Amino acid sequence: MEQLVAFDSKLRMTIGITPIDPDIRRVGVGGYTGPTLPPQISAPTAAAVQHLDQDVGKLLRETKLQHESFEELEQALKQKQDMWTHLPSIQPTPGWITSGFGSRWTLHRPGQAA
């Protein structure tokens, strides 16, 4: 999970998306109610089962958060890819570049067609 979080952070930084706050990454929950165990289970075994249940629950919450994060990254990358696909990557004609890419301002004289 740590490797996935590191990869997620690296991708977010690369494409300019705000990283997930470390407090959110802790995926805390409210009060814990453990599984109902049969009375014949010893106290140490019951404690181990409850600890395992808590760990699995936390891992499930972390996995859900990471899945949602990767979906967000996928959408952002699709948008970036669309932008990069439509961005000129070569000079359109030989010569001097006298202005940047974009709309042009023109002056119209009275009596001229617009």
N, C-alpha and C. Protein backbone atom coordinates (compact mmCIF):
# COMPACT_ATOMS: atom_id res chain seq x y z
N MET A 1 0.83 -1.19 0.00
CA MET A 1 0.00 0.00 0.00
C MET A 1 0.88 1.26 0.00
N GLU A 2 1.99 1.20 0.71
CA GLU A 2 2.89 2.36 0.75
C GLU A 2 3.42 2.69 -0.64
N GLN A 3 3.71 1.66 -1.43
CA GLN A 3 4.20 1.89 -2.80
C GLN A 3 3.12 2.52 -3.66
N LEU A 4 1.88 2.10 -3.49
CA LEU A 4 0.78 2.70 -4.24
C LEU A 4 0.59 4.16 -3.86
N VAL A 5 0.69 4.46 -2.57
CA VAL A 5 0.54 5.84 -2.10
C VAL A 5 1.67 6.71 -2.67
N ALA A 6 2.90 6.18 -2.67
CA ALA A 6 4.03 6.93 -3.21
C ALA A 6 3.85 7.18 -4.71
N PHE A 7 3.39 6.17 -5.43
CA PHE A 7 3.15 6.30 -6.87
C PHE A 7 2.05 7.32 -7.13
N ASP A 8 0.99 7.26 -6.33
CA ASP A 8 -0.13 8.20 -6.45
C ASP A 8 0.37 9.63 -6.24
N SER A 9 1.16 9.84 -5.21
CA SER A 9 1.68 11.18 -4.92
C SER A 9 2.57 11.68 -6.06
N LYS A 10 3.39 10.80 -6.60
CA LYS A 10 4.28 11.15 -7.71
C LYS A 10 3.46 11.55 -8.94
N LEU A 11 2.42 10.78 -9.26
CA LEU A 11 1.56 11.12 -10.40
C LEU A 11 0.85 12.45 -10.19
N ARG A 12 0.34 12.65 -8.99
CA ARG A 12 -0.37 13.90 -8.69
C ARG A 12 0.56 15.11 -8.85
N MET A 13 1.78 14.98 -8.40
CA MET A 13 2.73 16.08 -8.51
C MET A 13 3.08 16.31 -9.98
N THR A 14 3.24 15.24 -10.75
CA THR A 14 3.62 15.34 -12.15
C THR A 14 2.57 16.05 -12.99
N ILE A 15 1.29 15.76 -12.74
CA ILE A 15 0.24 16.37 -13.58
C ILE A 15 -0.43 17.58 -12.92
N GLY A 16 0.07 17.98 -11.76
CA GLY A 16 -0.41 19.22 -11.15
C GLY A 16 -1.71 19.10 -10.39
N ILE A 17 -1.96 17.95 -9.78
CA ILE A 17 -3.16 17.76 -8.95
C ILE A 17 -2.73 17.81 -7.49
N THR A 18 -3.56 18.41 -6.67
CA THR A 18 -3.27 18.52 -5.24
C THR A 18 -3.14 17.14 -4.62
N PRO A 19 -2.06 16.92 -3.86
CA PRO A 19 -1.90 15.61 -3.20
C PRO A 19 -2.97 15.40 -2.13
N ILE A 20 -3.22 14.14 -1.82
CA ILE A 20 -4.19 13.80 -0.78
C ILE A 20 -3.57 14.10 0.57
N ASP A 21 -4.31 14.78 1.41
CA ASP A 21 -3.83 15.16 2.74
C ASP A 21 -3.49 13.91 3.56
N PRO A 22 -2.36 13.92 4.27
CA PRO A 22 -1.98 12.77 5.09
C PRO A 22 -3.04 12.37 6.11
N ASP A 23 -3.79 13.34 6.65
CA ASP A 23 -4.87 13.01 7.60
C ASP A 23 -5.96 12.18 6.93
N ILE A 24 -6.25 12.50 5.68
CA ILE A 24 -7.27 11.74 4.95
C ILE A 24 -6.74 10.34 4.66
N ARG A 25 -5.45 10.24 4.37
CA ARG A 25 -4.84 8.94 4.09
C ARG A 25 -4.91 7.98 5.28
N ARG A 26 -5.08 8.51 6.49
CA ARG A 26 -5.16 7.65 7.67
C ARG A 26 -6.49 6.90 7.75
N VAL A 27 -7.46 7.30 6.95
CA VAL A 27 -8.79 6.69 6.85
C VAL A 27 -9.35 6.21 8.19
N GLY A 28 -9.35 7.11 9.14
CA GLY A 28 -9.88 6.77 10.46
C GLY A 28 -11.38 6.59 10.43
N VAL A 29 -11.88 5.94 11.46
CA VAL A 29 -13.32 5.73 11.60
C VAL A 29 -13.71 6.02 13.04
N GLY A 30 -15.00 6.02 13.27
CA GLY A 30 -15.51 6.24 14.62
C GLY A 30 -15.25 5.05 15.51
N GLY A 31 -16.10 4.85 16.49
CA GLY A 31 -15.93 3.75 17.44
C GLY A 31 -15.93 2.39 16.76
N TYR A 32 -15.10 1.51 17.25
CA TYR A 32 -14.98 0.19 16.66
C TYR A 32 -15.88 -0.79 17.39
N THR A 33 -16.66 -1.52 16.63
CA THR A 33 -17.44 -2.64 17.19
C THR A 33 -16.97 -3.89 16.48
N GLY A 34 -16.32 -4.72 17.21
CA GLY A 34 -15.73 -5.92 16.64
C GLY A 34 -16.75 -6.99 16.35
N PRO A 35 -16.28 -8.06 15.72
CA PRO A 35 -17.18 -9.16 15.39
C PRO A 35 -17.66 -9.88 16.65
N THR A 36 -18.83 -10.44 16.57
CA THR A 36 -19.35 -11.23 17.69
C THR A 36 -18.68 -12.60 17.66
N LEU A 37 -18.02 -12.95 18.76
CA LEU A 37 -17.27 -14.20 18.82
C LEU A 37 -17.94 -15.16 19.79
N PRO A 38 -17.81 -16.44 19.53
CA PRO A 38 -18.37 -17.43 20.45
C PRO A 38 -17.70 -17.33 21.82
N PRO A 39 -18.42 -17.61 22.91
CA PRO A 39 -17.87 -17.46 24.26
C PRO A 39 -16.72 -18.44 24.56
N GLN A 40 -16.61 -19.56 23.84
CA GLN A 40 -15.56 -20.53 24.14
C GLN A 40 -14.18 -20.10 23.62
N ILE A 41 -14.10 -18.99 22.85
CA ILE A 41 -12.80 -18.51 22.36
C ILE A 41 -12.07 -17.82 23.51
N SER A 42 -10.79 -18.12 23.65
CA SER A 42 -9.99 -17.54 24.73
C SER A 42 -9.80 -16.04 24.51
N ALA A 43 -9.51 -15.33 25.58
CA ALA A 43 -9.33 -13.87 25.52
C ALA A 43 -8.19 -13.49 24.56
N PRO A 44 -7.02 -14.17 24.62
CA PRO A 44 -5.96 -13.79 23.68
C PRO A 44 -6.36 -14.01 22.22
N THR A 45 -7.07 -15.10 21.95
CA THR A 45 -7.51 -15.37 20.58
C THR A 45 -8.54 -14.33 20.15
N ALA A 46 -9.46 -13.98 21.03
CA ALA A 46 -10.48 -12.97 20.72
C ALA A 46 -9.81 -11.63 20.43
N ALA A 47 -8.80 -11.27 21.23
CA ALA A 47 -8.08 -10.01 21.01
C ALA A 47 -7.36 -10.04 19.66
N ALA A 48 -6.76 -11.18 19.31
CA ALA A 48 -6.06 -11.31 18.03
C ALA A 48 -7.04 -11.19 16.86
N VAL A 49 -8.22 -11.81 16.99
CA VAL A 49 -9.24 -11.74 15.94
C VAL A 49 -9.73 -10.31 15.78
N GLN A 50 -9.97 -9.62 16.89
CA GLN A 50 -10.43 -8.24 16.81
C GLN A 50 -9.36 -7.34 16.18
N HIS A 51 -8.10 -7.56 16.54
CA HIS A 51 -7.00 -6.78 15.96
C HIS A 51 -6.93 -7.02 14.45
N LEU A 52 -7.05 -8.28 14.05
CA LEU A 52 -7.04 -8.64 12.64
C LEU A 52 -8.23 -8.00 11.92
N ASP A 53 -9.39 -8.01 12.54
CA ASP A 53 -10.58 -7.41 11.95
C ASP A 53 -10.37 -5.91 11.74
N GLN A 54 -9.77 -5.24 12.71
CA GLN A 54 -9.48 -3.80 12.58
C GLN A 54 -8.50 -3.55 11.44
N ASP A 55 -7.46 -4.38 11.35
CA ASP A 55 -6.45 -4.21 10.29
C ASP A 55 -7.07 -4.41 8.91
N VAL A 56 -7.89 -5.43 8.76
CA VAL A 56 -8.53 -5.70 7.48
C VAL A 56 -9.49 -4.55 7.12
N GLY A 57 -10.23 -4.05 8.09
CA GLY A 57 -11.12 -2.92 7.85
C GLY A 57 -10.37 -1.69 7.39
N LYS A 58 -9.24 -1.41 8.04
CA LYS A 58 -8.42 -0.25 7.65
C LYS A 58 -7.88 -0.44 6.25
N LEU A 59 -7.41 -1.64 5.96
CA LEU A 59 -6.88 -1.91 4.63
C LEU A 59 -7.97 -1.75 3.55
N LEU A 60 -9.18 -2.18 3.85
CA LEU A 60 -10.28 -2.00 2.90
C LEU A 60 -10.58 -0.52 2.66
N ARG A 61 -10.55 0.29 3.73
CA ARG A 61 -10.79 1.73 3.58
C ARG A 61 -9.66 2.38 2.78
N GLU A 62 -8.42 1.98 3.05
CA GLU A 62 -7.28 2.53 2.30
C GLU A 62 -7.38 2.16 0.82
N THR A 63 -7.77 0.93 0.56
CA THR A 63 -7.90 0.46 -0.83
C THR A 63 -8.98 1.25 -1.55
N LYS A 64 -10.11 1.49 -0.90
CA LYS A 64 -11.20 2.26 -1.51
C LYS A 64 -10.73 3.68 -1.83
N LEU A 65 -10.04 4.31 -0.89
CA LEU A 65 -9.53 5.67 -1.11
C LEU A 65 -8.55 5.68 -2.28
N GLN A 66 -7.66 4.69 -2.33
CA GLN A 66 -6.68 4.64 -3.41
C GLN A 66 -7.35 4.41 -4.76
N HIS A 67 -8.35 3.56 -4.78
CA HIS A 67 -9.11 3.32 -6.03
C HIS A 67 -9.75 4.61 -6.52
N GLU A 68 -10.37 5.36 -5.63
CA GLU A 68 -11.00 6.63 -6.00
C GLU A 68 -9.95 7.63 -6.50
N SER A 69 -8.79 7.62 -5.85
CA SER A 69 -7.72 8.52 -6.26
C SER A 69 -7.23 8.18 -7.67
N PHE A 70 -7.04 6.89 -7.95
CA PHE A 70 -6.59 6.49 -9.27
C PHE A 70 -7.64 6.83 -10.34
N GLU A 71 -8.92 6.73 -10.01
CA GLU A 71 -9.96 7.12 -10.96
C GLU A 71 -9.89 8.62 -11.25
N GLU A 72 -9.63 9.42 -10.21
CA GLU A 72 -9.48 10.87 -10.40
C GLU A 72 -8.27 11.16 -11.28
N LEU A 73 -7.17 10.45 -11.02
CA LEU A 73 -5.97 10.64 -11.83
C LEU A 73 -6.21 10.24 -13.29
N GLU A 74 -6.95 9.17 -13.50
CA GLU A 74 -7.24 8.73 -14.86
C GLU A 74 -8.01 9.80 -15.61
N GLN A 75 -9.01 10.41 -14.98
CA GLN A 75 -9.79 11.46 -15.62
C GLN A 75 -8.91 12.68 -15.93
N ALA A 76 -8.06 13.05 -14.99
CA ALA A 76 -7.17 14.20 -15.20
C ALA A 76 -6.20 13.93 -16.34
N LEU A 77 -5.68 12.72 -16.40
CA LEU A 77 -4.75 12.37 -17.49
C LEU A 77 -5.45 12.36 -18.84
N LYS A 78 -6.69 11.91 -18.89
CA LYS A 78 -7.45 11.94 -20.15
C LYS A 78 -7.63 13.37 -20.62
N GLN A 79 -7.93 14.28 -19.69
CA GLN A 79 -8.08 15.69 -20.05
C GLN A 79 -6.76 16.27 -20.55
N LYS A 80 -5.67 15.94 -19.87
CA LYS A 80 -4.34 16.42 -20.29
C LYS A 80 -3.99 15.85 -21.66
N GLN A 81 -4.27 14.57 -21.88
CA GLN A 81 -3.96 13.95 -23.15
C GLN A 81 -4.73 14.63 -24.28
N ASP A 82 -5.99 14.97 -24.03
CA ASP A 82 -6.79 15.67 -25.03
C ASP A 82 -6.16 17.02 -25.35
N MET A 83 -5.70 17.73 -24.32
CA MET A 83 -5.06 19.03 -24.53
C MET A 83 -3.77 18.85 -25.34
N TRP A 84 -2.95 17.86 -24.96
CA TRP A 84 -1.67 17.63 -25.64
C TRP A 84 -1.89 17.21 -27.10
N THR A 85 -2.97 16.48 -27.36
CA THR A 85 -3.27 16.03 -28.72
C THR A 85 -3.56 17.23 -29.62
N HIS A 86 -4.17 18.26 -29.08
CA HIS A 86 -4.56 19.41 -29.88
C HIS A 86 -3.58 20.58 -29.79
N LEU A 87 -2.48 20.40 -29.12
CA LEU A 87 -1.48 21.46 -28.97
C LEU A 87 -0.43 21.33 -30.07
N PRO A 88 -0.19 22.39 -30.83
CA PRO A 88 0.83 22.30 -31.88
C PRO A 88 2.20 21.94 -31.28
N SER A 89 2.90 21.06 -31.95
CA SER A 89 4.21 20.65 -31.44
C SER A 89 5.34 21.03 -32.39
N ILE A 90 4.99 21.59 -33.55
CA ILE A 90 6.01 22.04 -34.49
C ILE A 90 5.65 23.44 -34.97
N GLN A 91 6.64 24.12 -35.52
CA GLN A 91 6.41 25.44 -36.08
C GLN A 91 5.63 25.25 -37.38
N PRO A 92 4.50 25.95 -37.55
CA PRO A 92 3.65 25.71 -38.73
C PRO A 92 4.32 26.07 -40.05
N THR A 93 5.13 27.12 -40.09
CA THR A 93 5.83 27.52 -41.32
C THR A 93 7.21 28.02 -40.95
N PRO A 94 8.15 27.99 -41.89
CA PRO A 94 9.47 28.55 -41.58
C PRO A 94 9.37 30.07 -41.46
N GLY A 95 10.20 30.66 -40.66
CA GLY A 95 10.22 32.12 -40.51
C GLY A 95 10.22 32.53 -39.06
N TRP A 96 10.08 33.82 -38.86
CA TRP A 96 10.10 34.39 -37.51
C TRP A 96 8.74 34.24 -36.85
N ILE A 97 8.73 33.95 -35.58
CA ILE A 97 7.48 33.93 -34.81
C ILE A 97 7.33 35.31 -34.21
N THR A 98 6.29 36.03 -34.64
CA THR A 98 6.11 37.41 -34.18
C THR A 98 5.05 37.54 -33.10
N SER A 99 4.25 36.49 -32.89
CA SER A 99 3.26 36.53 -31.81
C SER A 99 2.93 35.10 -31.42
N GLY A 100 2.33 34.96 -30.25
CA GLY A 100 1.99 33.64 -29.73
C GLY A 100 0.76 33.05 -30.41
N PHE A 101 0.45 31.85 -30.02
CA PHE A 101 -0.71 31.12 -30.55
C PHE A 101 -1.98 31.70 -29.95
N GLY A 102 -3.03 31.85 -30.74
CA GLY A 102 -4.30 32.31 -30.19
C GLY A 102 -5.03 33.26 -31.11
N SER A 103 -6.07 33.88 -30.56
CA SER A 103 -6.91 34.81 -31.33
C SER A 103 -6.12 36.06 -31.70
N ARG A 104 -6.54 36.69 -32.79
CA ARG A 104 -5.92 37.93 -33.26
C ARG A 104 -6.90 39.09 -33.10
N TRP A 105 -6.33 40.24 -32.76
CA TRP A 105 -7.13 41.46 -32.67
C TRP A 105 -6.97 42.21 -33.99
N THR A 106 -8.06 42.64 -34.55
CA THR A 106 -7.99 43.42 -35.78
C THR A 106 -8.74 44.73 -35.58
N LEU A 107 -8.28 45.75 -36.26
CA LEU A 107 -8.95 47.05 -36.21
C LEU A 107 -9.81 47.18 -37.46
N HIS A 108 -11.01 47.64 -37.31
CA HIS A 108 -11.92 47.83 -38.42
C HIS A 108 -12.12 49.34 -38.60
N ARG A 109 -12.00 49.77 -39.82
CA ARG A 109 -12.23 51.19 -40.15
C ARG A 109 -13.71 51.36 -40.50
N PRO A 110 -14.26 52.51 -40.23
CA PRO A 110 -15.66 52.75 -40.60
C PRO A 110 -15.86 52.52 -42.09
N GLY A 111 -16.91 51.84 -42.45
CA GLY A 111 -17.22 51.59 -43.85
C GLY A 111 -16.66 50.27 -44.35
N GLN A 112 -15.78 49.61 -43.56
CA GLN A 112 -15.24 48.31 -43.98
C GLN A 112 -16.11 47.19 -43.46
N ALA A 113 -16.15 46.11 -44.21
CA ALA A 113 -16.88 44.92 -43.75
C ALA A 113 -16.13 44.31 -42.58
N ALA A 114 -16.86 43.80 -41.63
CA ALA A 114 -16.24 43.23 -40.43
C ALA A 114 -15.66 41.88 -40.68
